[in-house]
Amino acid sequence: MTTTTTTTLSLLVFHGSPLDFIKYRHAVLLLTTYPDNQQSMFHITGPPGEFKFVEVTGTNPTQSAKLERNIPVVSTVSGDNNSTTTTTTTTISRKMVRDACARVKVRNDLPGWNCQNWVGEALSELVKIGCCTEVQRGLAVDGMVDACLEARDEEFA
């Protein structure tokens, strides 16, 4: 019997905090593996100037009341004897994604740099290693920008 595994990479955008302004919308990458439904969330946390990269497992961020948008990036399907995929690789592993995300420099030295910038740079790293294409990255970033623009603009608040 062939075991089929589906791996999905998504970009999630959450309601801003402390206020829902564009710059406060929080963006993360989520890797989910089926049928075991294992999830790993990759993002940066902390106040501006003190961000750090973290991986969170054991939670389901798609169930959060603060989730504004779940943007699919790429999905792969692989089996023991037969693999099909929508990317240039046959599988996407948690280690591949975690290692690529960990390579993204956390730019605490740049005023205004935030999790949205980090997600864009992390997706660029994932393109480099074949986890997704440049087109998939572009569509995901466009979706993130759209979700962030749905928040209030602090100039008009």
Protein backbone atom coordinates (compact mmCIF):
# COMPACT_ATOMS: atom_id res chain seq x y z
CA MET A 1 0.00 0.00 0.00
CA THR A 2 1.33 3.41 -0.96
CA THR A 3 1.45 6.11 1.68
CA THR A 4 0.61 9.51 0.27
CA THR A 5 1.84 12.66 1.96
CA THR A 6 0.61 16.13 1.10
CA THR A 7 2.68 19.09 2.22
CA THR A 8 1.26 22.58 2.03
CA LEU A 9 3.05 25.89 2.54
CA SER A 10 0.83 28.87 3.29
CA LEU A 11 1.30 32.52 4.17
CA LEU A 12 -0.96 33.66 7.00
CA VAL A 13 -1.81 37.26 7.83
CA PHE A 14 -3.20 38.17 11.25
CA HIS A 15 -5.08 41.19 12.61
CA GLY A 16 -2.69 43.91 13.79
CA SER A 17 -1.85 44.52 17.40
CA PRO A 18 -2.06 46.75 19.40
CA LEU A 19 -4.09 48.50 16.66
CA ASP A 20 -5.05 47.07 13.30
CA PHE A 21 -2.87 49.35 11.19
CA ILE A 22 -1.17 48.16 8.00
CA LYS A 23 2.29 48.04 9.60
CA TYR A 24 1.02 45.96 12.53
CA ARG A 25 -0.52 43.13 10.49
CA HIS A 26 1.46 40.00 11.39
CA ALA A 27 2.63 37.66 8.62
CA VAL A 28 3.93 34.09 9.06
CA LEU A 29 4.69 31.02 6.99
CA LEU A 30 2.86 27.80 7.86
CA LEU A 31 3.92 24.33 6.75
CA THR A 32 1.29 21.59 7.13
CA THR A 33 1.82 17.91 6.41
CA TYR A 34 -1.13 15.58 5.80
CA PRO A 35 -2.43 13.00 6.68
CA ASP A 36 -0.82 13.52 10.12
CA ASN A 37 -1.78 17.23 10.18
CA GLN A 38 1.59 18.30 11.59
CA GLN A 39 2.03 22.08 11.50
CA SER A 40 5.08 24.29 11.85
CA MET A 41 4.73 28.06 11.91
CA PHE A 42 7.80 30.11 10.99
CA HIS A 43 7.97 33.82 11.82
CA ILE A 44 9.73 36.58 13.69
CA THR A 45 8.54 37.81 17.06
CA GLY A 46 9.38 40.63 19.42
CA PRO A 47 9.19 44.40 19.45
CA PRO A 48 10.71 46.42 16.58
CA GLY A 49 14.49 46.36 16.80
CA GLU A 50 14.45 43.15 18.84
CA PHE A 51 12.91 40.65 16.42
CA LYS A 52 14.02 37.02 16.50
CA PHE A 53 13.22 34.04 14.31
CA VAL A 54 11.11 31.27 15.85
CA GLU A 55 9.42 28.05 14.84
CA VAL A 56 6.19 27.15 16.64
CA THR A 57 4.73 23.64 16.56
CA GLY A 58 1.79 22.03 18.30
CA THR A 59 -0.71 24.80 17.58
CA ASN A 60 -3.16 25.44 14.77
CA PRO A 61 -2.87 29.12 13.83
CA THR A 62 -5.55 28.72 11.14
CA GLN A 63 -8.11 28.50 13.97
CA SER A 64 -7.16 31.88 15.43
CA ALA A 65 -9.88 34.52 15.60
CA LYS A 66 -7.21 37.02 14.51
CA LEU A 67 -6.51 35.27 11.20
CA GLU A 68 -7.34 37.66 8.37
CA ARG A 69 -6.06 35.70 5.36
CA ASN A 70 -4.70 32.22 4.57
CA ILE A 71 -2.78 32.43 1.31
CA PRO A 72 -1.70 29.14 -0.30
CA VAL A 73 1.87 29.26 -1.62
CA VAL A 74 2.52 25.70 -2.79
CA SER A 75 1.34 22.15 -2.20
CA THR A 76 3.16 18.91 -2.97
CA VAL A 77 1.91 15.34 -3.04
CA SER A 78 4.32 12.44 -2.71
CA GLY A 79 3.95 8.72 -2.23
CA ASP A 80 6.26 5.78 -1.69
CA ASN A 81 6.32 4.75 -5.35
CA ASN A 82 4.69 7.63 -7.17
CA SER A 83 5.35 11.33 -6.67
CA THR A 84 3.61 14.27 -8.19
CA THR A 85 4.26 17.86 -7.30
CA THR A 86 3.43 21.43 -8.14
CA THR A 87 7.00 22.62 -7.57
CA THR A 88 10.44 21.84 -8.91
CA THR A 89 11.17 19.45 -6.03
CA THR A 90 9.47 16.16 -5.19
CA THR A 91 9.02 17.02 -1.52
CA ILE A 92 9.11 19.93 0.85
CA SER A 93 10.35 18.98 4.29
CA ARG A 94 10.06 20.83 7.56
CA LYS A 95 13.85 20.88 7.80
CA MET A 96 14.20 22.44 4.33
CA VAL A 97 11.75 25.21 5.20
CA ARG A 98 13.12 25.78 8.71
CA ASP A 99 16.72 25.95 7.47
CA ALA A 100 15.82 28.37 4.65
CA CYS A 101 13.85 30.59 7.05
CA ALA A 102 16.66 30.53 9.61
CA ARG A 103 19.06 31.84 6.94
CA VAL A 104 17.01 35.02 6.50
CA LYS A 105 18.80 37.87 8.23
CA VAL A 106 16.66 39.49 10.90
CA ARG A 107 17.15 43.18 10.08
CA ASN A 108 16.82 44.82 13.47
CA ASP A 109 19.14 47.52 12.15
CA LEU A 110 16.58 48.81 9.60
CA PRO A 111 13.85 51.13 10.92
CA GLY A 112 10.43 50.02 9.69
CA TRP A 113 11.57 46.48 8.80
CA ASN A 114 9.05 43.95 10.11
CA CYS A 115 7.54 40.48 9.77
CA GLN A 116 6.05 41.34 6.38
CA ASN A 117 9.53 42.07 5.01
CA TRP A 118 10.84 38.90 6.64
CA VAL A 119 8.16 36.73 4.99
CA GLY A 120 9.04 38.15 1.56
CA GLU A 121 12.72 37.43 2.14
CA ALA A 122 11.99 33.94 3.51
CA LEU A 123 9.95 33.13 0.39
CA SER A 124 12.92 34.28 -1.73
CA GLU A 125 15.10 31.77 0.15
CA LEU A 126 12.51 29.07 -0.54
CA VAL A 127 12.61 29.93 -4.26
CA LYS A 128 16.41 29.52 -4.21
CA ILE A 129 16.13 25.95 -2.91
CA GLY A 130 13.24 24.95 -5.18
CA CYS A 131 10.43 24.79 -2.62
CA CYS A 132 8.36 27.24 -4.65
CA THR A 133 8.66 29.22 -7.85
CA GLU A 134 9.17 32.95 -8.27
CA VAL A 135 5.61 33.17 -9.61
CA GLN A 136 4.24 31.41 -6.50
CA ARG A 137 6.30 33.74 -4.31
CA GLY A 138 4.95 36.78 -6.17
CA LEU A 139 1.34 35.67 -5.86
CA ALA A 140 1.77 35.00 -2.13
CA VAL A 141 3.40 38.38 -1.51
CA ASP A 142 0.66 40.10 -3.53
CA GLY A 143 -1.94 38.35 -1.35
CA MET A 144 -0.10 39.44 1.80
CA VAL A 145 0.02 43.05 0.61
CA ASP A 146 -3.69 42.96 -0.21
CA ALA A 147 -4.49 41.55 3.26
CA CYS A 148 -2.34 44.20 4.94
CA LEU A 149 -3.96 46.99 2.94
CA GLU A 150 -7.34 45.94 4.35
CA ALA A 151 -6.18 47.27 7.72
CA ARG A 152 -6.58 50.90 8.69
CA ASP A 153 -4.05 53.43 7.47
CA GLU A 154 -2.75 55.21 10.56
CA GLU A 155 -2.57 58.51 8.66
CA PHE A 156 -6.36 58.46 8.40
CA ALA A 157 -7.16 56.86 11.76
